[in-house]
Protein backbone atom coordinates (compact mmCIF):
# COMPACT_ATOMS: atom_id res chain seq x y z
CA UNK A 1 104.35 128.49 135.86
CA UNK A 2 104.51 131.45 133.49
CA UNK A 3 107.97 132.79 132.71
CA UNK A 4 108.93 136.22 131.46
CA UNK A 5 110.16 136.14 127.86
CA UNK A 6 113.31 138.20 127.23
CA UNK A 7 115.66 136.06 125.14
CA UNK A 8 114.66 134.35 121.93
CA UNK A 9 116.37 131.55 120.03
CA UNK A 10 115.79 131.34 116.27
CA UNK A 11 116.83 128.10 114.58
CA UNK A 12 117.43 128.44 110.86
CA UNK A 13 118.67 131.58 109.10
CA UNK A 14 116.63 131.29 105.93
CA UNK A 15 113.88 133.66 104.82
CA UNK A 16 111.55 132.76 107.68
CA UNK A 17 114.25 132.72 110.32
CA UNK A 18 115.53 136.14 109.28
CA UNK A 19 111.98 137.49 109.35
CA UNK A 20 111.32 136.13 112.84
CA UNK A 21 114.66 137.43 114.10
CA UNK A 22 113.96 140.88 112.67
CA UNK A 23 110.47 141.10 114.17
CA UNK A 24 111.71 139.91 117.57
CA UNK A 25 114.71 142.26 117.64
CA UNK A 26 112.60 145.24 116.58
CA UNK A 27 110.22 144.43 119.43
CA UNK A 28 113.09 144.63 121.91
CA UNK A 29 113.93 140.94 122.42
CA UNK A 30 117.51 139.68 122.60
CA UNK A 31 117.81 137.17 119.75
CA UNK A 32 120.25 134.35 119.04
CA UNK A 33 120.14 132.94 115.49
CA UNK A 34 121.56 129.44 114.94
CA UNK A 35 122.50 127.82 111.63
CA UNK A 36 124.98 125.25 110.37
CA UNK A 37 127.64 127.51 108.80
CA UNK A 38 129.15 130.95 109.28
CA UNK A 39 128.61 131.64 105.58
CA UNK A 40 124.85 131.21 105.96
CA UNK A 41 124.83 133.39 109.07
CA UNK A 42 126.86 136.15 107.41
CA UNK A 43 124.40 136.19 104.51
CA UNK A 44 121.46 136.29 106.93
CA UNK A 45 123.00 139.21 108.81
CA UNK A 46 123.43 141.15 105.59
CA UNK A 47 119.86 140.42 104.49
CA UNK A 48 118.56 141.50 107.89
CA UNK A 49 120.53 144.74 107.71
CA UNK A 50 119.34 145.40 104.16
CA UNK A 51 115.72 144.81 105.18
CA UNK A 52 116.06 147.25 108.05
CA UNK A 53 117.97 149.83 106.02
CA UNK A 54 116.40 149.84 102.58
CA UNK A 55 113.32 147.70 102.12
CA UNK A 56 111.05 149.33 104.67
CA UNK A 57 110.14 145.98 106.23
CA UNK A 58 109.12 147.53 109.52
CA UNK A 59 107.51 145.27 112.08
CA UNK A 60 104.26 146.20 113.79
CA UNK A 61 106.08 146.97 117.04
CA UNK A 62 109.32 148.43 115.68
CA UNK A 63 111.14 151.02 117.75
CA UNK A 64 110.82 153.75 115.10
CA UNK A 65 113.58 155.93 116.53
CA UNK A 66 116.18 153.14 116.40
CA UNK A 67 118.78 152.77 113.69
CA UNK A 68 119.35 149.45 111.89
CA UNK A 69 122.63 149.16 113.75
CA UNK A 70 120.89 149.46 117.11
CA UNK A 71 118.42 146.73 116.20
CA UNK A 72 121.24 144.47 114.98
CA UNK A 73 123.02 144.85 118.31
CA UNK A 74 120.24 142.69 119.81
CA UNK A 75 120.79 139.88 117.28
CA UNK A 76 123.59 137.37 117.82
CA UNK A 77 124.60 134.78 115.22
CA UNK A 78 126.14 131.41 116.07
CA UNK A 79 126.78 127.94 114.71
CA UNK A 80 126.69 126.52 118.24
CA UNK A 81 123.54 125.54 120.12
CA UNK A 82 125.38 126.40 123.33
CA UNK A 83 124.30 129.98 122.67
CA UNK A 84 120.77 128.95 123.70
CA UNK A 85 121.65 128.21 127.31
CA UNK A 86 119.61 131.17 128.62
CA UNK A 87 116.76 131.54 126.13
CA UNK A 88 113.12 131.70 127.19
CA UNK A 89 111.46 130.95 123.85
CA UNK A 90 112.70 129.16 120.73
CA UNK A 91 111.29 129.45 117.20
CA UNK A 92 112.49 126.58 114.99
CA UNK A 93 112.40 127.27 111.24
CA UNK A 94 114.39 124.49 109.57
CA UNK A 95 113.35 122.83 106.34
CA UNK A 96 110.31 120.55 106.05
CA UNK A 97 112.38 117.39 106.49
CA UNK A 98 111.73 115.07 109.41
CA UNK A 99 115.29 113.81 109.84
CA UNK A 100 116.66 117.35 109.95
CA UNK A 101 114.01 118.51 112.42
CA UNK A 102 114.62 115.48 114.62
CA UNK A 103 118.34 116.27 114.86
CA UNK A 104 117.58 119.89 115.81
CA UNK A 105 115.46 118.88 118.81
CA UNK A 106 118.21 116.62 120.12
CA UNK A 107 120.43 119.72 120.27
CA UNK A 108 117.70 121.90 121.77
CA UNK A 109 117.13 119.41 124.58
CA UNK A 110 120.86 119.36 125.32
CA UNK A 111 121.25 123.13 125.44
CA UNK A 112 118.02 124.95 126.32
CA UNK A 113 116.90 125.64 129.90
CA UNK A 114 114.01 123.57 131.20
CA UNK A 115 111.55 126.49 131.19
CA UNK A 116 112.03 127.36 127.50
CA UNK A 117 109.08 127.01 125.13
CA UNK A 118 109.59 125.48 121.68
CA UNK A 119 107.59 126.94 118.79
CA UNK A 120 107.71 124.77 115.66
CA UNK A 121 107.44 126.91 112.53
CA UNK A 122 106.34 124.26 110.04
CA UNK A 123 103.94 124.09 107.12
CA UNK A 124 102.67 120.56 107.57
CA UNK A 125 104.57 118.36 110.06
CA UNK A 126 102.62 117.18 113.12
CA UNK A 127 103.46 119.26 116.19
CA UNK A 128 102.57 116.33 118.44
CA UNK A 129 105.17 114.21 116.65
CA UNK A 130 107.80 116.92 117.15
CA UNK A 131 106.87 117.36 120.81
CA UNK A 132 107.39 113.63 121.39
CA UNK A 133 111.10 114.19 120.69
CA UNK A 134 111.35 116.30 123.84
CA UNK A 135 110.98 115.99 127.60
CA UNK A 136 108.71 119.06 127.69
CA UNK A 137 105.75 118.15 125.53
CA UNK A 138 103.45 120.57 127.34
CA UNK A 139 105.84 123.41 126.35
CA UNK A 140 105.75 122.73 122.59
CA UNK A 141 103.35 124.32 120.13
CA UNK A 142 103.23 125.09 116.45
CA UNK A 143 103.73 128.66 115.29
CA UNK A 144 103.17 129.00 111.56
CA UNK A 145 104.43 132.43 110.52
CA UNK A 146 103.55 133.84 107.11
CA UNK A 147 106.01 135.45 104.71
CA UNK A 148 107.17 138.22 104.94
CA UNK A 149 107.09 137.85 108.71
CA UNK A 150 107.56 141.54 109.67
CA UNK A 151 104.53 142.60 107.63
CA UNK A 152 102.07 139.87 108.66
CA UNK A 153 100.09 140.58 111.80
CA UNK A 154 98.50 137.14 112.27
CA UNK A 155 100.11 133.78 113.08
CA UNK A 156 98.51 130.32 112.91
CA UNK A 157 99.42 128.72 116.25
CA UNK A 158 98.87 125.00 116.73
CA UNK A 159 97.95 123.25 119.96
CA UNK A 160 99.52 119.77 120.06
CA UNK A 161 98.16 116.88 122.10
CA UNK A 162 100.04 117.87 125.28
CA UNK A 163 100.39 121.65 124.80
CA UNK A 164 99.40 123.47 127.99
CA UNK A 165 97.20 126.54 128.18
CA UNK A 166 100.10 128.36 129.84
CA UNK A 167 102.23 127.70 126.76
CA UNK A 168 99.48 129.06 124.50
CA UNK A 169 99.29 132.18 126.65
CA UNK A 170 103.07 132.65 126.64
CA UNK A 171 103.02 132.39 122.85
CA UNK A 172 100.29 135.03 122.69
CA UNK A 173 102.37 137.44 124.80
CA UNK A 174 105.48 136.77 122.70
CA UNK A 175 103.56 137.58 119.52
CA UNK A 176 101.70 140.56 120.98
CA UNK A 177 104.96 142.32 121.75
CA UNK A 178 105.73 142.07 118.02
CA UNK A 179 102.30 143.46 117.12
CA UNK A 180 100.92 140.08 116.08
CA UNK A 181 97.96 137.99 117.17
CA UNK A 182 97.52 134.24 117.03
CA UNK A 183 94.67 132.10 115.81
CA UNK A 184 94.91 128.79 117.69
CA UNK A 185 93.97 125.61 115.84
CA UNK A 186 94.32 121.93 116.71
CA UNK A 187 97.11 119.70 115.47
CA UNK A 188 96.56 117.84 112.24
CA UNK A 189 99.13 117.77 109.41
CA UNK A 190 98.83 120.94 107.36
CA UNK A 191 96.66 122.56 110.07
CA UNK A 192 94.17 124.94 108.38
CA UNK A 193 96.26 127.12 106.10
CA UNK A 194 98.40 124.56 104.33
CA UNK A 195 95.89 121.76 104.25
CA UNK A 196 93.94 124.05 101.92
CA UNK A 197 96.78 126.06 100.33
CA UNK A 198 98.91 123.10 99.27
CA UNK A 199 95.94 121.46 97.57
CA UNK A 200 95.21 124.72 95.75
CA UNK A 201 98.79 125.18 94.58
CA UNK A 202 99.14 121.54 93.55
CA UNK A 203 95.93 121.67 91.52
CA UNK A 204 97.04 124.92 89.88
CA UNK A 205 100.26 123.16 88.83
CA UNK A 206 98.16 120.33 87.39
CA UNK A 207 96.11 122.87 85.41
CA UNK A 208 99.36 124.20 83.95
CA UNK A 209 100.58 120.67 83.18
CA UNK A 210 97.30 119.84 81.43
CA UNK A 211 97.53 122.94 79.27
CA UNK A 212 94.24 124.35 80.55
CA UNK A 213 95.75 127.84 80.93
CA UNK A 214 99.07 129.68 81.21
CA UNK A 215 100.62 130.38 84.59
CA UNK A 216 99.73 134.05 84.23
CA UNK A 217 96.11 133.33 83.34
CA UNK A 218 95.70 130.87 86.23
CA UNK A 219 96.94 133.49 88.69
CA UNK A 220 94.92 136.27 87.05
CA UNK A 221 91.71 134.37 87.73
CA UNK A 222 92.53 134.27 91.44
CA UNK A 223 93.64 137.91 91.67
CA UNK A 224 91.02 139.43 89.35
CA UNK A 225 88.00 137.23 89.96
CA UNK A 226 88.47 136.37 93.64
CA UNK A 227 90.39 139.42 94.80
CA UNK A 228 93.34 137.44 96.12
CA UNK A 229 96.47 139.62 96.46
CA UNK A 230 98.56 136.88 94.81
CA UNK A 231 97.76 133.86 92.67
CA UNK A 232 98.62 130.28 93.72
CA UNK A 233 101.60 129.91 91.36
CA UNK A 234 103.18 133.22 92.36
CA UNK A 235 102.58 132.20 95.98
CA UNK A 236 104.42 128.94 95.33
CA UNK A 237 107.33 130.87 93.83
CA UNK A 238 107.47 133.10 96.91
CA UNK A 239 107.43 130.18 99.34
CA UNK A 240 109.84 128.08 97.27
CA UNK A 241 108.85 125.12 95.11
CA UNK A 242 111.10 122.80 97.12
CA UNK A 243 109.26 123.79 100.31
CA UNK A 244 105.93 123.29 98.56
CA UNK A 245 106.98 119.82 97.44
CA UNK A 246 108.22 118.88 100.93
CA UNK A 247 104.96 120.06 102.45
CA UNK A 248 102.64 118.25 100.09
CA UNK A 249 104.70 115.06 100.40
CA UNK A 250 104.23 115.27 104.18
CA UNK A 251 100.47 115.63 103.66
CA UNK A 252 100.43 112.72 101.22
CA UNK A 253 102.30 110.50 103.69
CA UNK A 254 100.25 111.66 106.68
CA UNK A 255 96.78 111.18 105.24
CA UNK A 256 97.47 108.41 102.68
CA UNK A 257 95.00 110.26 100.47
CA UNK A 258 95.56 110.49 96.72
CA UNK A 259 94.28 114.06 96.63
CA UNK A 260 97.67 115.08 98.08
CA UNK A 261 99.69 113.33 95.35
CA UNK A 262 102.36 115.86 94.25
CA UNK A 263 102.09 117.03 90.65
CA UNK A 264 104.77 115.47 88.41
CA UNK A 265 105.43 118.95 87.01
CA UNK A 266 106.14 120.28 90.51
CA UNK A 267 108.67 117.47 91.03
CA UNK A 268 110.27 118.16 87.66
CA UNK A 269 110.72 121.87 88.35
CA UNK A 270 112.32 121.15 91.72
CA UNK A 271 114.67 118.61 90.13
CA UNK A 272 115.57 121.25 87.51
CA UNK A 273 116.47 123.78 90.20
CA UNK A 274 113.61 126.12 89.30
CA UNK A 275 112.63 126.85 92.89
CA UNK A 276 110.92 130.22 92.53
CA UNK A 277 112.10 133.65 93.59
CA UNK A 278 115.10 132.38 95.49
CA UNK A 279 116.54 130.79 92.32
CA UNK A 280 115.31 133.54 89.97
CA UNK A 281 112.90 131.27 88.09
CA UNK A 282 109.93 129.15 89.09
CA UNK A 283 106.58 129.41 87.37
CA UNK A 284 107.63 132.99 86.58
CA UNK A 285 110.98 134.64 85.93
CA UNK A 286 112.43 137.18 88.36
CA UNK A 287 114.95 139.94 87.79
CA UNK A 288 117.14 138.99 90.72
CA UNK A 289 117.50 136.24 93.28
CA UNK A 290 116.07 136.69 96.76
């Protein structure tokens, strides 16, 4: 039975979680953001306010006459999953790590009402595998948002083995209120976007490792010759090299195919703490951390 969506839970207060929370709050939803520490939540609140106030990251369905303060009044921050007792829809955005995701769904099952839909915002992990952690497999789908969330009007939604058509339709209504549409694909690790993107990024890193071209020249070929708005290495920096490595390791484990073997250079950069924009240095240097 279809339920009206009014209250949204957002798990994870990183870049993606903040973007989802902003888009949802600007669309009029009541939003509860959950993360493991008050320090993380305080930082997320400040980033959200800054985005609303200064950066012009206006969602497709923003209430243009509202102040940042009015939007923030609809966003609640908590370290306790008990704050999800009345949510209708949950978007989970934690890191691409199976053990961490597994622990999150234990808490969701303890605290969310039975009608709530779970949307798994993941780059590569099987949605069917996540759904099996719950007692509501028909109410679980993948929802792969793109960064920056408020400015992207299309979402890759993933139908898992048990996902119901009603759940797909609820997801469509949730997204439509934020000015977004969904393209529904079937569940295989990496789906469409990252099954192709992670291979492209990984091979670009291998080109750099082999000395075929500089990072700038590799990206210039994609932006100048193919018309891509951003090259693969700059894209990796934006996503985060640690997230890229997690994702391609999931693909490597899932398919047991050597084409997904992570580049040794990618591993080295992650070990060195060069994670991209968020650390100030990845394949390129950045003036300030994000």
